Amino acid sequence: MPKGPLGLNIERDLFFTERFPLSVYARAARRAGRIVESDQSLRNELEANETIGSIESSKD
């Protein structure tokens, strides 16, 4: 079994179903300081990222 940087076992959640891109989960977790599974939090993160993307693409 693989180990993380603190020597803890890393396990895969076999029942996890991805509803959003993994990048959205990662950004939401960084912002919250914990794992986030709430649809509302993830949707907010996705919408914020789409807004940033549209602003950056309009600069070109």
PDB file of N, CA and C in Angstrom:
ATOM      1  N   MET A   1       0.850  -1.184   0.000  1.00  0.00           N
ATOM      2  CA  MET A   1       0.000   0.000   0.000  1.00  0.00           C
ATOM      3  C   MET A   1       0.891   1.241   0.000  1.00  0.00           C
ATOM      4  N   PRO A   2       0.592   2.222  -0.870  1.00  0.00           N
ATOM      5  CA  PRO A   2       1.414   3.433  -0.923  1.00  0.00           C
ATOM      6  C   PRO A   2       1.277   4.266   0.350  1.00  0.00           C
ATOM      7  N   LYS A   3       2.325   5.014   0.641  1.00  0.00           N
ATOM      8  CA  LYS A   3       2.349   5.859   1.837  1.00  0.00           C
ATOM      9  C   LYS A   3       2.455   7.322   1.416  1.00  0.00           C
ATOM     10  N   GLY A   4       1.844   8.190   2.193  1.00  0.00           N
ATOM     11  CA  GLY A   4       1.928   9.621   1.965  1.00  0.00           C
ATOM     12  C   GLY A   4       3.166  10.193   2.633  1.00  0.00           C
ATOM     13  N   PRO A   5       3.357  11.519   2.528  1.00  0.00           N
ATOM     14  CA  PRO A   5       4.553  12.146   3.079  1.00  0.00           C
ATOM     15  C   PRO A   5       4.692  12.004   4.599  1.00  0.00           C
ATOM     16  N   LEU A   6       3.603  11.772   5.296  1.00  0.00           N
ATOM     17  CA  LEU A   6       3.659  11.610   6.751  1.00  0.00           C
ATOM     18  C   LEU A   6       3.696  10.143   7.153  1.00  0.00           C
ATOM     19  N   GLY A   7       3.851   9.256   6.165  1.00  0.00           N
ATOM     20  CA  GLY A   7       3.926   7.834   6.447  1.00  0.00           C
ATOM     21  C   GLY A   7       2.575   7.157   6.607  1.00  0.00           C
ATOM     22  N   LEU A   8       1.497   7.888   6.349  1.00  0.00           N
ATOM     23  CA  LEU A   8       0.158   7.309   6.464  1.00  0.00           C
ATOM     24  C   LEU A   8      -0.205   6.581   5.174  1.00  0.00           C
ATOM     25  N   ASN A   9      -0.997   5.529   5.318  1.00  0.00           N
ATOM     26  CA  ASN A   9      -1.451   4.791   4.144  1.00  0.00           C
ATOM     27  C   ASN A   9      -2.354   5.666   3.283  1.00  0.00           C
ATOM     28  N   ILE A  10      -2.244   5.515   1.969  1.00  0.00           N
ATOM     29  CA  ILE A  10      -3.113   6.212   1.027  1.00  0.00           C
ATOM     30  C   ILE A  10      -4.079   5.180   0.472  1.00  0.00           C
ATOM     31  N   GLU A  11      -5.362   5.460   0.612  1.00  0.00           N
ATOM     32  CA  GLU A  11      -6.371   4.531   0.123  1.00  0.00           C
ATOM     33  C   GLU A  11      -7.260   5.226  -0.898  1.00  0.00           C
ATOM     34  N   ARG A  12      -7.767   4.461  -1.817  1.00  0.00           N
ATOM     35  CA  ARG A  12      -8.661   4.967  -2.838  1.00  0.00           C
ATOM     36  C   ARG A  12     -10.101   4.715  -2.401  1.00  0.00           C
ATOM     37  N   ASP A  13     -10.964   5.706  -2.560  1.00  0.00           N
ATOM     38  CA  ASP A  13     -12.380   5.548  -2.248  1.00  0.00           C
ATOM     39  C   ASP A  13     -13.061   4.920  -3.462  1.00  0.00           C
ATOM     40  N   LEU A  14     -13.391   3.660  -3.369  1.00  0.00           N
ATOM     41  CA  LEU A  14     -13.967   2.931  -4.497  1.00  0.00           C
ATOM     42  C   LEU A  14     -15.384   3.387  -4.826  1.00  0.00           C
ATOM     43  N   PHE A  15     -16.021   4.099  -3.910  1.00  0.00           N
ATOM     44  CA  PHE A  15     -17.404   4.515  -4.120  1.00  0.00           C
ATOM     45  C   PHE A  15     -17.531   5.994  -4.499  1.00  0.00           C
ATOM     46  N   PHE A  16     -16.401   6.685  -4.661  1.00  0.00           N
ATOM     47  CA  PHE A  16     -16.422   8.101  -5.048  1.00  0.00           C
ATOM     48  C   PHE A  16     -16.887   8.224  -6.492  1.00  0.00           C
ATOM     49  N   THR A  17     -17.870   9.079  -6.726  1.00  0.00           N
ATOM     50  CA  THR A  17     -18.349   9.366  -8.073  1.00  0.00           C
ATOM     51  C   THR A  17     -18.069  10.829  -8.369  1.00  0.00           C
ATOM     52  N   GLU A  18     -17.278  11.079  -9.375  1.00  0.00           N
ATOM     53  CA  GLU A  18     -16.889  12.440  -9.733  1.00  0.00           C
ATOM     54  C   GLU A  18     -18.062  13.147 -10.405  1.00  0.00           C
ATOM     55  N   ARG A  19     -18.524  14.248  -9.791  1.00  0.00           N
ATOM     56  CA  ARG A  19     -19.610  15.039 -10.361  1.00  0.00           C
ATOM     57  C   ARG A  19     -19.087  16.327 -10.984  1.00  0.00           C
ATOM     58  N   PHE A  20     -17.864  16.670 -10.661  1.00  0.00           N
ATOM     59  CA  PHE A  20     -17.204  17.875 -11.154  1.00  0.00           C
ATOM     60  C   PHE A  20     -15.783  17.485 -11.539  1.00  0.00           C
ATOM     61  N   PRO A  21     -15.088  18.316 -12.314  1.00  0.00           N
ATOM     62  CA  PRO A  21     -13.674  18.025 -12.583  1.00  0.00           C
ATOM     63  C   PRO A  21     -12.874  17.999 -11.277  1.00  0.00           C
ATOM     64  N   LEU A  22     -11.859  17.165 -11.218  1.00  0.00           N
ATOM     65  CA  LEU A  22     -11.062  17.043  -9.990  1.00  0.00           C
ATOM     66  C   LEU A  22     -10.439  18.373  -9.585  1.00  0.00           C
ATOM     67  N   SER A  23     -10.139  19.228 -10.557  1.00  0.00           N
ATOM     68  CA  SER A  23      -9.565  20.537 -10.241  1.00  0.00           C
ATOM     69  C   SER A  23     -10.525  21.364  -9.384  1.00  0.00           C
ATOM     70  N   VAL A  24     -11.817  21.199  -9.582  1.00  0.00           N
ATOM     71  CA  VAL A  24     -12.813  21.927  -8.782  1.00  0.00           C
ATOM     72  C   VAL A  24     -12.779  21.437  -7.335  1.00  0.00           C
ATOM     73  N   TYR A  25     -12.701  20.118  -7.143  1.00  0.00           N
ATOM     74  CA  TYR A  25     -12.589  19.566  -5.788  1.00  0.00           C
ATOM     75  C   TYR A  25     -11.320  20.087  -5.102  1.00  0.00           C
ATOM     76  N   ALA A  26     -10.210  20.114  -5.850  1.00  0.00           N
ATOM     77  CA  ALA A  26      -8.934  20.555  -5.273  1.00  0.00           C
ATOM     78  C   ALA A  26      -8.991  22.027  -4.859  1.00  0.00           C
ATOM     79  N   ARG A  27      -9.523  22.894  -5.728  1.00  0.00           N
ATOM     80  CA  ARG A  27      -9.607  24.323  -5.396  1.00  0.00           C
ATOM     81  C   ARG A  27     -10.536  24.566  -4.208  1.00  0.00           C
ATOM     82  N   ALA A  28     -11.676  23.867  -4.204  1.00  0.00           N
ATOM     83  CA  ALA A  28     -12.630  24.036  -3.095  1.00  0.00           C
ATOM     84  C   ALA A  28     -12.010  23.568  -1.777  1.00  0.00           C
ATOM     85  N   ALA A  29     -11.252  22.481  -1.823  1.00  0.00           N
ATOM     86  CA  ALA A  29     -10.607  21.970  -0.608  1.00  0.00           C
ATOM     87  C   ALA A  29      -9.537  22.934  -0.116  1.00  0.00           C
ATOM     88  N   ARG A  30      -8.765  23.503  -1.035  1.00  0.00           N
ATOM     89  CA  ARG A  30      -7.740  24.475  -0.623  1.00  0.00           C
ATOM     90  C   ARG A  30      -8.386  25.689   0.030  1.00  0.00           C
ATOM     91  N   ARG A  31      -9.461  26.160  -0.572  1.00  0.00           N
ATOM     92  CA  ARG A  31     -10.148  27.347  -0.052  1.00  0.00           C
ATOM     93  C   ARG A  31     -10.750  27.070   1.328  1.00  0.00           C
ATOM     94  N   ALA A  32     -11.344  25.886   1.512  1.00  0.00           N
ATOM     95  CA  ALA A  32     -12.020  25.547   2.772  1.00  0.00           C
ATOM     96  C   ALA A  32     -11.064  24.993   3.825  1.00  0.00           C
ATOM     97  N   GLY A  33      -9.896  24.519   3.393  1.00  0.00           N
ATOM     98  CA  GLY A  33      -8.962  23.913   4.332  1.00  0.00           C
ATOM     99  C   GLY A  33      -9.374  22.510   4.748  1.00  0.00           C
ATOM    100  N   ARG A  34     -10.236  21.877   3.954  1.00  0.00           N
ATOM    101  CA  ARG A  34     -10.720  20.523   4.242  1.00  0.00           C
ATOM    102  C   ARG A  34     -11.308  19.931   2.964  1.00  0.00           C
ATOM    103  N   ILE A  35     -11.613  18.656   2.996  1.00  0.00           N
ATOM    104  CA  ILE A  35     -12.275  18.017   1.855  1.00  0.00           C
ATOM    105  C   ILE A  35     -13.693  18.557   1.759  1.00  0.00           C
ATOM    106  N   VAL A  36     -14.104  18.917   0.550  1.00  0.00           N
ATOM    107  CA  VAL A  36     -15.424  19.499   0.324  1.00  0.00           C
ATOM    108  C   VAL A  36     -16.231  18.568  -0.576  1.00  0.00           C
ATOM    109  N   GLU A  37     -17.439  18.233  -0.147  1.00  0.00           N
ATOM    110  CA  GLU A  37     -18.312  17.383  -0.962  1.00  0.00           C
ATOM    111  C   GLU A  37     -19.664  18.040  -1.237  1.00  0.00           C
ATOM    112  N   SER A  38     -19.922  19.172  -0.623  1.00  0.00           N
ATOM    113  CA  SER A  38     -21.193  19.869  -0.797  1.00  0.00           C
ATOM    114  C   SER A  38     -21.349  20.341  -2.241  1.00  0.00           C
ATOM    115  N   ASP A  39     -22.465  19.956  -2.869  1.00  0.00           N
ATOM    116  CA  ASP A  39     -22.710  20.376  -4.254  1.00  0.00           C
ATOM    117  C   ASP A  39     -22.675  21.898  -4.389  1.00  0.00           C
ATOM    118  N   GLN A  40     -23.240  22.594  -3.412  1.00  0.00           N
ATOM    119  CA  GLN A  40     -23.283  24.061  -3.498  1.00  0.00           C
ATOM    120  C   GLN A  40     -21.873  24.659  -3.481  1.00  0.00           C
ATOM    121  N   SER A  41     -21.019  24.180  -2.590  1.00  0.00           N
ATOM    122  CA  SER A  41     -19.640  24.678  -2.532  1.00  0.00           C
ATOM    123  C   SER A  41     -18.892  24.383  -3.826  1.00  0.00           C
ATOM    124  N   LEU A  42     -19.090  23.187  -4.354  1.00  0.00           N
ATOM    125  CA  LEU A  42     -18.406  22.802  -5.585  1.00  0.00           C
ATOM    126  C   LEU A  42     -18.942  23.594  -6.777  1.00  0.00           C
ATOM    127  N   ARG A  43     -20.254  23.808  -6.832  1.00  0.00           N
ATOM    128  CA  ARG A  43     -20.828  24.615  -7.913  1.00  0.00           C
ATOM    129  C   ARG A  43     -20.308  26.053  -7.855  1.00  0.00           C
ATOM    130  N   ASN A  44     -20.213  26.599  -6.636  1.00  0.00           N
ATOM    131  CA  ASN A  44     -19.678  27.957  -6.482  1.00  0.00           C
ATOM    132  C   ASN A  44     -18.248  28.032  -7.000  1.00  0.00           C
ATOM    133  N   GLU A  45     -17.447  27.025  -6.689  1.00  0.00           N
ATOM    134  CA  GLU A  45     -16.057  26.996  -7.134  1.00  0.00           C
ATOM    135  C   GLU A  45     -15.983  26.886  -8.656  1.00  0.00           C
ATOM    136  N   LEU A  46     -16.838  26.052  -9.230  1.00  0.00           N
ATOM    137  CA  LEU A  46     -16.869  25.882 -10.682  1.00  0.00           C
ATOM    138  C   LEU A  46     -17.263  27.189 -11.364  1.00  0.00           C
ATOM    139  N   GLU A  47     -18.294  27.845 -10.843  1.00  0.00           N
ATOM    140  CA  GLU A  47     -18.748  29.113 -11.417  1.00  0.00           C
ATOM    141  C   GLU A  47     -17.685  30.197 -11.283  1.00  0.00           C
ATOM    142  N   ALA A  48     -16.995  30.236 -10.151  1.00  0.00           N
ATOM    143  CA  ALA A  48     -15.932  31.222  -9.961  1.00  0.00           C
ATOM    144  C   ALA A  48     -14.820  30.994 -10.973  1.00  0.00           C
ATOM    145  N   ASN A  49     -14.477  29.749 -11.222  1.00  0.00           N
ATOM    146  CA  ASN A  49     -13.429  29.427 -12.183  1.00  0.00           C
ATOM    147  C   ASN A  49     -13.862  29.789 -13.605  1.00  0.00           C
ATOM    148  N   GLU A  50     -15.125  29.542 -13.942  1.00  0.00           N
ATOM    149  CA  GLU A  50     -15.621  29.883 -15.270  1.00  0.00           C
ATOM    150  C   GLU A  50     -15.618  31.391 -15.470  1.00  0.00           C
ATOM    151  N   THR A  51     -15.940  32.146 -14.422  1.00  0.00           N
ATOM    152  CA  THR A  51     -15.927  33.607 -14.502  1.00  0.00           C
ATOM    153  C   THR A  51     -14.507  34.105 -14.740  1.00  0.00           C
ATOM    154  N   ILE A  52     -13.545  33.552 -14.008  1.00  0.00           N
ATOM    155  CA  ILE A  52     -12.141  33.939 -14.182  1.00  0.00           C
ATOM    156  C   ILE A  52     -11.682  33.598 -15.594  1.00  0.00           C
ATOM    157  N   GLY A  53     -12.067  32.412 -16.086  1.00  0.00           N
ATOM    158  CA  GLY A  53     -11.690  31.994 -17.438  1.00  0.00           C
ATOM    159  C   GLY A  53     -12.247  32.899 -18.494  1.00  0.00           C
ATOM    160  N   SER A  54     -13.501  33.344 -18.336  1.00  0.00           N
ATOM    161  CA  SER A  54     -14.095  34.229 -19.333  1.00  0.00           C
ATOM    162  C   SER A  54     -13.464  35.611 -19.288  1.00  0.00           C
ATOM    163  N   ILE A  55     -13.065  36.074 -18.110  1.00  0.00           N
ATOM    164  CA  ILE A  55     -12.390  37.379 -17.991  1.00  0.00           C
ATOM    165  C   ILE A  55     -11.028  37.299 -18.664  1.00  0.00           C
ATOM    166  N   GLU A  56     -10.285  36.222 -18.414  1.00  0.00           N
ATOM    167  CA  GLU A  56      -8.954  36.080 -19.008  1.00  0.00           C
ATOM    168  C   GLU A  56      -9.024  35.936 -20.522  1.00  0.00           C
ATOM    169  N   SER A  57     -10.026  35.224 -21.050  1.00  0.00           N
ATOM    170  CA  SER A  57     -10.127  35.042 -22.496  1.00  0.00           C
ATOM    171  C   SER A  57     -10.583  36.334 -23.184  1.00  0.00           C
ATOM    172  N   SER A  58     -11.299  37.201 -22.464  1.00  0.00           N
ATOM    173  CA  SER A  58     -11.728  38.471 -23.064  1.00  0.00           C
ATOM    174  C   SER A  58     -10.573  39.467 -23.144  1.00  0.00           C
ATOM    175  N   LYS A  59      -9.492  39.229 -22.396  1.00  0.00           N
ATOM    176  CA  LYS A  59      -8.326  40.116 -22.442  1.00  0.00           C
ATOM    177  C   LYS A  59      -7.528  39.914 -23.730  1.00  0.00           C
ATOM    178  N   ASP A  60      -7.677  38.736 -24.364  1.00  0.00           N
ATOM    179  CA  ASP A  60      -6.890  38.434 -25.574  1.00  0.00           C
ATOM    180  C   ASP A  60      -7.342  39.185 -26.776  1.00  0.00           C
TER     181      ASP A  60
END
